[in-house]
């Protein structure tokens, strides 16, 4: 018995609004997770470099824990277990943003820490000699240079986050992967539906990767020291 290789686009055409809603949720989930991960990660990365040792040790444990635990496990724990420890329940979408965002923050913090430590120590010493406080030196001299050096690594994390948003389907976040699985379950047309999903993720991630690479090439000389 031969394989049926006919292509049937009707599952896509008949459910385009449903899939579009999944794309919109994917974009929103990715954006909010990136914002949360960036804000927390930058703070943690700076604190690990310049905070007192006990604080830095606690933050190091957070970073190592998040890097050691699979994102899938973090999402499942955040949605099913975390509400048992608090008086509040979370929607799948909120749990997805929190889980992905805090997982991303651990990796962002390491990028920030590496960027700051790549700046020659003499620049901090010169800033202090000019009468700047340690905070002013970090904010005005070290961090601007480090941020430019972080662009390639941070760009990779942004792309990974967009792709990892698909894992949120396991906690029923109605993003693109979840919606496509529902359609496949109804139509039994995985070839057409999942090929569409593959193309959509490529169209979302490739411009981001190329755009960040172009930005870095333009700004790279400003990060030299």
C-alpha atoms as a PDB file:
ATOM      1  CA  UNK A   1       0.000   0.000   0.000  1.00  0.00           C
ATOM      2  CA  UNK A   2       1.484   3.347  -1.058  1.00  0.00           C
ATOM      3  CA  UNK A   3       1.638   6.558   0.892  1.00  0.00           C
ATOM      4  CA  UNK A   4      -0.920   9.287   0.195  1.00  0.00           C
ATOM      5  CA  UNK A   5       1.252  12.252  -0.750  1.00  0.00           C
ATOM      6  CA  UNK A   6      -1.537  14.574  -1.816  1.00  0.00           C
ATOM      7  CA  UNK A   7      -1.463  18.012  -0.277  1.00  0.00           C
ATOM      8  CA  UNK A   8      -4.659  19.335   1.274  1.00  0.00           C
ATOM      9  CA  UNK A   9      -4.539  22.974   2.377  1.00  0.00           C
ATOM     10  CA  UNK A  10      -8.131  23.066   3.558  1.00  0.00           C
ATOM     11  CA  UNK A  11      -7.152  22.574   7.250  1.00  0.00           C
ATOM     12  CA  UNK A  12      -5.131  25.774   7.003  1.00  0.00           C
ATOM     13  CA  UNK A  13      -7.663  27.730   4.965  1.00  0.00           C
ATOM     14  CA  UNK A  14     -10.598  26.700   7.141  1.00  0.00           C
ATOM     15  CA  UNK A  15      -8.795  27.452  10.389  1.00  0.00           C
ATOM     16  CA  UNK A  16      -6.675  30.464   9.506  1.00  0.00           C
ATOM     17  CA  UNK A  17      -8.233  32.666  12.182  1.00  0.00           C
ATOM     18  CA  UNK A  18      -7.581  29.983  14.792  1.00  0.00           C
ATOM     19  CA  UNK A  19      -3.946  29.716  13.692  1.00  0.00           C
ATOM     20  CA  UNK A  20      -3.566  33.489  13.520  1.00  0.00           C
ATOM     21  CA  UNK A  21      -4.685  33.680  17.123  1.00  0.00           C
ATOM     22  CA  UNK A  22      -1.941  31.187  17.952  1.00  0.00           C
ATOM     23  CA  UNK A  23       0.653  33.325  16.171  1.00  0.00           C
ATOM     24  CA  UNK A  24      -0.499  36.411  18.080  1.00  0.00           C
ATOM     25  CA  UNK A  25      -0.272  34.542  21.377  1.00  0.00           C
ATOM     26  CA  UNK A  26       3.199  33.273  20.463  1.00  0.00           C
ATOM     27  CA  UNK A  27       4.369  36.812  19.757  1.00  0.00           C
ATOM     28  CA  UNK A  28       2.866  38.222  22.949  1.00  0.00           C
ATOM     29  CA  UNK A  29       4.176  35.351  25.067  1.00  0.00           C
ATOM     30  CA  UNK A  30       7.649  35.741  23.583  1.00  0.00           C
ATOM     31  CA  UNK A  31       7.667  39.535  23.966  1.00  0.00           C
ATOM     32  CA  UNK A  32       6.569  39.553  27.608  1.00  0.00           C
ATOM     33  CA  UNK A  33       8.952  36.720  28.484  1.00  0.00           C
ATOM     34  CA  UNK A  34      11.844  38.580  26.843  1.00  0.00           C
ATOM     35  CA  UNK A  35      10.980  41.784  28.710  1.00  0.00           C
ATOM     36  CA  UNK A  36      10.769  39.962  32.046  1.00  0.00           C
ATOM     37  CA  UNK A  37      13.904  37.942  31.378  1.00  0.00           C
ATOM     38  CA  UNK A  38      15.880  41.010  30.299  1.00  0.00           C
ATOM     39  CA  UNK A  39      14.889  43.168  33.269  1.00  0.00           C
ATOM     40  CA  UNK A  40      15.552  40.424  35.830  1.00  0.00           C
ATOM     41  CA  UNK A  41      18.647  39.148  34.026  1.00  0.00           C
ATOM     42  CA  UNK A  42      20.335  42.545  33.780  1.00  0.00           C
ATOM     43  CA  UNK A  43      19.703  43.184  37.467  1.00  0.00           C
ATOM     44  CA  UNK A  44      20.988  39.766  38.486  1.00  0.00           C
ATOM     45  CA  UNK A  45      24.041  40.032  36.230  1.00  0.00           C
ATOM     46  CA  UNK A  46      25.061  43.426  37.621  1.00  0.00           C
ATOM     47  CA  UNK A  47      24.431  42.305  41.195  1.00  0.00           C
ATOM     48  CA  UNK A  48      26.576  39.190  40.744  1.00  0.00           C
ATOM     49  CA  UNK A  49      29.471  41.396  39.690  1.00  0.00           C
ATOM     50  CA  UNK A  50      29.226  44.114  42.322  1.00  0.00           C
ATOM     51  CA  UNK A  51      26.945  43.007  45.191  1.00  0.00           C
ATOM     52  CA  UNK A  52      28.219  41.793  48.553  1.00  0.00           C
ATOM     53  CA  UNK A  53      29.260  38.156  48.618  1.00  0.00           C
ATOM     54  CA  UNK A  54      26.171  36.650  50.355  1.00  0.00           C
ATOM     55  CA  UNK A  55      23.823  38.270  47.846  1.00  0.00           C
ATOM     56  CA  UNK A  56      26.014  37.234  44.934  1.00  0.00           C
ATOM     57  CA  UNK A  57      26.042  33.650  46.243  1.00  0.00           C
ATOM     58  CA  UNK A  58      22.238  33.510  46.447  1.00  0.00           C
ATOM     59  CA  UNK A  59      21.929  34.883  42.928  1.00  0.00           C
ATOM     60  CA  UNK A  60      24.533  32.409  41.676  1.00  0.00           C
ATOM     61  CA  UNK A  61      22.419  29.575  43.094  1.00  0.00           C
ATOM     62  CA  UNK A  62      19.355  30.955  41.267  1.00  0.00           C
ATOM     63  CA  UNK A  63      21.260  31.156  37.989  1.00  0.00           C
ATOM     64  CA  UNK A  64      22.767  27.693  38.307  1.00  0.00           C
ATOM     65  CA  UNK A  65      19.387  26.197  39.239  1.00  0.00           C
ATOM     66  CA  UNK A  66      17.569  27.720  36.293  1.00  0.00           C
ATOM     67  CA  UNK A  67      20.315  26.668  33.889  1.00  0.00           C
ATOM     68  CA  UNK A  68      20.275  23.116  35.231  1.00  0.00           C
ATOM     69  CA  UNK A  69      16.506  22.513  35.090  1.00  0.00           C
ATOM     70  CA  UNK A  70      14.791  21.958  31.701  1.00  0.00           C
ATOM     71  CA  UNK A  71      12.349  24.676  30.685  1.00  0.00           C
ATOM     72  CA  UNK A  72       9.626  22.053  30.295  1.00  0.00           C
ATOM     73  CA  UNK A  73       9.965  21.105  33.966  1.00  0.00           C
ATOM     74  CA  UNK A  74       9.962  24.751  35.037  1.00  0.00           C
ATOM     75  CA  UNK A  75       6.764  25.459  33.103  1.00  0.00           C
ATOM     76  CA  UNK A  76       4.971  22.420  34.488  1.00  0.00           C
ATOM     77  CA  UNK A  77       6.083  23.236  38.047  1.00  0.00           C
ATOM     78  CA  UNK A  78       5.116  26.901  37.702  1.00  0.00           C
ATOM     79  CA  UNK A  79       1.611  26.088  36.478  1.00  0.00           C
ATOM     80  CA  UNK A  80       0.742  23.044  38.580  1.00  0.00           C
ATOM     81  CA  UNK A  81       2.896  23.261  41.731  1.00  0.00           C
ATOM     82  CA  UNK A  82       3.556  26.950  42.417  1.00  0.00           C
ATOM     83  CA  UNK A  83      -0.154  27.801  43.024  1.00  0.00           C
ATOM     84  CA  UNK A  84      -0.158  25.221  45.832  1.00  0.00           C
ATOM     85  CA  UNK A  85       2.453  27.328  47.666  1.00  0.00           C
ATOM     86  CA  UNK A  86       0.620  30.625  47.226  1.00  0.00           C
ATOM     87  CA  UNK A  87      -2.984  31.780  47.641  1.00  0.00           C
ATOM     88  CA  UNK A  88      -3.127  32.730  43.976  1.00  0.00           C
ATOM     89  CA  UNK A  89      -3.743  30.664  40.869  1.00  0.00           C
ATOM     90  CA  UNK A  90      -2.317  31.523  37.469  1.00  0.00           C
ATOM     91  CA  UNK A  91      -3.649  31.248  33.974  1.00  0.00           C
ATOM     92  CA  UNK A  92      -1.584  29.105  31.596  1.00  0.00           C
ATOM     93  CA  UNK A  93      -0.451  32.260  29.809  1.00  0.00           C
ATOM     94  CA  UNK A  94       0.746  33.946  33.015  1.00  0.00           C
ATOM     95  CA  UNK A  95       2.544  30.771  34.089  1.00  0.00           C
ATOM     96  CA  UNK A  96       4.168  30.611  30.662  1.00  0.00           C
ATOM     97  CA  UNK A  97       5.449  34.183  30.857  1.00  0.00           C
ATOM     98  CA  UNK A  98       6.736  33.688  34.399  1.00  0.00           C
ATOM     99  CA  UNK A  99       8.416  30.353  33.702  1.00  0.00           C
ATOM    100  CA  UNK A 100      10.010  31.313  30.392  1.00  0.00           C
ATOM    101  CA  UNK A 101      10.955  34.779  31.652  1.00  0.00           C
ATOM    102  CA  UNK A 102      12.721  33.587  34.807  1.00  0.00           C
ATOM    103  CA  UNK A 103      14.442  30.798  32.892  1.00  0.00           C
ATOM    104  CA  UNK A 104      15.657  33.297  30.302  1.00  0.00           C
ATOM    105  CA  UNK A 105      16.799  35.707  33.031  1.00  0.00           C
ATOM    106  CA  UNK A 106      19.400  33.215  34.229  1.00  0.00           C
ATOM    107  CA  UNK A 107      21.021  33.123  30.807  1.00  0.00           C
ATOM    108  CA  UNK A 108      20.735  36.888  30.311  1.00  0.00           C
ATOM    109  CA  UNK A 109      22.461  37.434  33.653  1.00  0.00           C
ATOM    110  CA  UNK A 110      25.427  35.361  32.518  1.00  0.00           C
ATOM    111  CA  UNK A 111      25.657  37.344  29.289  1.00  0.00           C
ATOM    112  CA  UNK A 112      25.570  40.592  31.286  1.00  0.00           C
ATOM    113  CA  UNK A 113      28.162  39.347  33.768  1.00  0.00           C
ATOM    114  CA  UNK A 114      30.479  38.218  30.976  1.00  0.00           C
ATOM    115  CA  UNK A 115      30.060  41.560  29.218  1.00  0.00           C
ATOM    116  CA  UNK A 116      30.889  43.559  32.346  1.00  0.00           C
ATOM    117  CA  UNK A 117      33.882  41.399  33.231  1.00  0.00           C
ATOM    118  CA  UNK A 118      35.233  41.807  29.699  1.00  0.00           C
ATOM    119  CA  UNK A 119      35.796  45.529  30.309  1.00  0.00           C
ATOM    120  CA  UNK A 120      39.339  46.306  31.427  1.00  0.00           C
ATOM    121  CA  UNK A 121      39.513  46.892  35.210  1.00  0.00           C
ATOM    122  CA  UNK A 122      41.464  50.089  34.612  1.00  0.00           C
ATOM    123  CA  UNK A 123      38.300  51.806  33.429  1.00  0.00           C
ATOM    124  CA  UNK A 124      36.600  51.318  36.785  1.00  0.00           C
ATOM    125  CA  UNK A 125      39.716  52.531  38.571  1.00  0.00           C
ATOM    126  CA  UNK A 126      39.925  55.606  36.359  1.00  0.00           C
ATOM    127  CA  UNK A 127      36.238  56.419  36.956  1.00  0.00           C
ATOM    128  CA  UNK A 128      36.676  56.139  40.720  1.00  0.00           C
ATOM    129  CA  UNK A 129      39.770  58.338  40.540  1.00  0.00           C
ATOM    130  CA  UNK A 130      37.686  60.991  38.751  1.00  0.00           C
ATOM    131  CA  UNK A 131      35.290  61.097  41.687  1.00  0.00           C
ATOM    132  CA  UNK A 132      32.515  58.889  40.300  1.00  0.00           C
ATOM    133  CA  UNK A 133      30.714  56.499  42.566  1.00  0.00           C
ATOM    134  CA  UNK A 134      30.822  52.788  41.780  1.00  0.00           C
ATOM    135  CA  UNK A 135      27.191  52.943  40.599  1.00  0.00           C
ATOM    136  CA  UNK A 136      27.875  55.886  38.294  1.00  0.00           C
ATOM    137  CA  UNK A 137      30.920  54.158  36.836  1.00  0.00           C
ATOM    138  CA  UNK A 138      28.913  51.020  36.052  1.00  0.00           C
ATOM    139  CA  UNK A 139      25.949  52.927  34.626  1.00  0.00           C
ATOM    140  CA  UNK A 140      27.816  55.532  32.588  1.00  0.00           C
ATOM    141  CA  UNK A 141      31.051  53.837  31.533  1.00  0.00           C
ATOM    142  CA  UNK A 142      31.078  50.068  31.881  1.00  0.00           C
ATOM    143  CA  UNK A 143      27.504  49.064  31.085  1.00  0.00           C
ATOM    144  CA  UNK A 144      27.190  50.985  27.756  1.00  0.00           C
ATOM    145  CA  UNK A 145      30.297  49.238  26.423  1.00  0.00           C
ATOM    146  CA  UNK A 146      29.265  45.867  27.815  1.00  0.00           C
ATOM    147  CA  UNK A 147      25.778  46.123  26.307  1.00  0.00           C
ATOM    148  CA  UNK A 148      27.243  46.398  22.820  1.00  0.00           C
ATOM    149  CA  UNK A 149      29.409  43.342  23.415  1.00  0.00           C
ATOM    150  CA  UNK A 150      26.335  41.455  24.636  1.00  0.00           C
ATOM    151  CA  UNK A 151      24.296  42.007  21.470  1.00  0.00           C
ATOM    152  CA  UNK A 152      25.208  38.764  19.619  1.00  0.00           C
ATOM    153  CA  UNK A 153      24.634  36.530  22.637  1.00  0.00           C
ATOM    154  CA  UNK A 154      21.475  38.366  23.613  1.00  0.00           C
ATOM    155  CA  UNK A 155      20.180  38.081  20.055  1.00  0.00           C
ATOM    156  CA  UNK A 156      20.647  34.323  20.211  1.00  0.00           C
ATOM    157  CA  UNK A 157      18.673  34.228  23.477  1.00  0.00           C
ATOM    158  CA  UNK A 158      15.830  36.218  21.890  1.00  0.00           C
ATOM    159  CA  UNK A 159      15.592  33.736  19.019  1.00  0.00           C
ATOM    160  CA  UNK A 160      15.744  30.786  21.423  1.00  0.00           C
ATOM    161  CA  UNK A 161      12.963  32.314  23.515  1.00  0.00           C
ATOM    162  CA  UNK A 162      10.677  32.673  20.501  1.00  0.00           C
ATOM    163  CA  UNK A 163      11.267  29.033  19.642  1.00  0.00           C
ATOM    164  CA  UNK A 164      10.944  27.878  23.259  1.00  0.00           C
ATOM    165  CA  UNK A 165       7.521  29.523  23.490  1.00  0.00           C
ATOM    166  CA  UNK A 166       6.266  26.385  21.728  1.00  0.00           C
ATOM    167  CA  UNK A 167       7.021  24.402  24.894  1.00  0.00           C
ATOM    168  CA  UNK A 168       4.249  26.346  26.626  1.00  0.00           C
ATOM    169  CA  UNK A 169       1.808  24.173  24.697  1.00  0.00           C
ATOM    170  CA  UNK A 170       2.274  21.531  27.427  1.00  0.00           C
ATOM    171  CA  UNK A 171       0.426  23.748  29.912  1.00  0.00           C
ATOM    172  CA  UNK A 172      -2.297  24.581  27.367  1.00  0.00           C
ATOM    173  CA  UNK A 173      -1.140  28.091  26.426  1.00  0.00           C
ATOM    174  CA  UNK A 174      -3.018  28.712  23.156  1.00  0.00           C
ATOM    175  CA  UNK A 175       0.098  29.599  21.180  1.00  0.00           C
ATOM    176  CA  UNK A 176       0.851  28.446  17.647  1.00  0.00           C
ATOM    177  CA  UNK A 177       2.035  24.926  18.468  1.00  0.00           C
ATOM    178  CA  UNK A 178      -0.929  24.217  20.725  1.00  0.00           C
ATOM    179  CA  UNK A 179      -3.427  25.473  18.152  1.00  0.00           C
ATOM    180  CA  UNK A 180      -1.800  23.468  15.382  1.00  0.00           C
ATOM    181  CA  UNK A 181      -1.935  20.305  17.489  1.00  0.00           C
ATOM    182  CA  UNK A 182      -5.661  20.816  17.980  1.00  0.00           C
ATOM    183  CA  UNK A 183      -6.186  21.207  14.228  1.00  0.00           C
ATOM    184  CA  UNK A 184      -4.129  18.097  13.463  1.00  0.00           C
ATOM    185  CA  UNK A 185      -6.177  16.163  15.988  1.00  0.00           C
ATOM    186  CA  UNK A 186      -9.352  17.135  14.131  1.00  0.00           C
ATOM    187  CA  UNK A 187      -8.174  16.893  10.523  1.00  0.00           C
ATOM    188  CA  UNK A 188      -5.402  14.245  10.623  1.00  0.00           C
ATOM    189  CA  UNK A 189      -3.299  16.408   8.293  1.00  0.00           C
ATOM    190  CA  UNK A 190       0.022  16.789  10.131  1.00  0.00           C
ATOM    191  CA  UNK A 191       2.077  17.350   6.971  1.00  0.00           C
ATOM    192  CA  UNK A 192       0.318  20.543   5.936  1.00  0.00           C
ATOM    193  CA  UNK A 193      -0.277  21.943   9.419  1.00  0.00           C
ATOM    194  CA  UNK A 194       3.140  21.301  10.922  1.00  0.00           C
ATOM    195  CA  UNK A 195       4.889  22.424   7.739  1.00  0.00           C
ATOM    196  CA  UNK A 196       2.986  25.690   8.094  1.00  0.00           C
ATOM    197  CA  UNK A 197       4.122  25.942  11.713  1.00  0.00           C
ATOM    198  CA  UNK A 198       7.729  25.305  10.675  1.00  0.00           C
ATOM    199  CA  UNK A 199       7.554  28.100   8.102  1.00  0.00           C
ATOM    200  CA  UNK A 200       5.960  30.539  10.551  1.00  0.00           C
ATOM    201  CA  UNK A 201       8.677  30.005  13.170  1.00  0.00           C
ATOM    202  CA  UNK A 202      11.323  30.509  10.509  1.00  0.00           C
ATOM    203  CA  UNK A 203       9.680  33.758   9.400  1.00  0.00           C
ATOM    204  CA  UNK A 204       9.545  34.935  13.005  1.00  0.00           C
ATOM    205  CA  UNK A 205      13.094  34.043  13.994  1.00  0.00           C
ATOM    206  CA  UNK A 206      15.200  34.587  10.878  1.00  0.00           C
ATOM    207  CA  UNK A 207      14.565  38.365  10.575  1.00  0.00           C
ATOM    208  CA  UNK A 208      15.287  38.792  14.278  1.00  0.00           C
ATOM    209  CA  UNK A 209      18.613  36.973  13.993  1.00  0.00           C
ATOM    210  CA  UNK A 210      19.668  38.852  10.858  1.00  0.00           C
ATOM    211  CA  UNK A 211      18.499  42.203  12.244  1.00  0.00           C
ATOM    212  CA  UNK A 212      20.417  41.837  15.493  1.00  0.00           C
ATOM    213  CA  UNK A 213      23.515  40.768  13.586  1.00  0.00           C
ATOM    214  CA  UNK A 214      23.283  43.895  11.430  1.00  0.00           C
ATOM    215  CA  UNK A 215      22.860  46.120  14.489  1.00  0.00           C
ATOM    216  CA  UNK A 216      25.917  44.587  16.117  1.00  0.00           C
ATOM    217  CA  UNK A 217      28.099  45.102  13.050  1.00  0.00           C
ATOM    218  CA  UNK A 218      27.236  48.805  13.125  1.00  0.00           C
ATOM    219  CA  UNK A 219      27.764  49.271  16.853  1.00  0.00           C
ATOM    220  CA  UNK A 220      30.702  46.915  17.439  1.00  0.00           C
ATOM    221  CA  UNK A 221      33.399  49.650  17.219  1.00  0.00           C
ATOM    222  CA  UNK A 222      31.694  51.548  20.064  1.00  0.00           C
ATOM    223  CA  UNK A 223      32.137  48.574  22.381  1.00  0.00           C
ATOM    224  CA  UNK A 224      35.889  48.314  21.876  1.00  0.00           C
ATOM    225  CA  UNK A 225      38.062  49.288  24.789  1.00  0.00           C
END
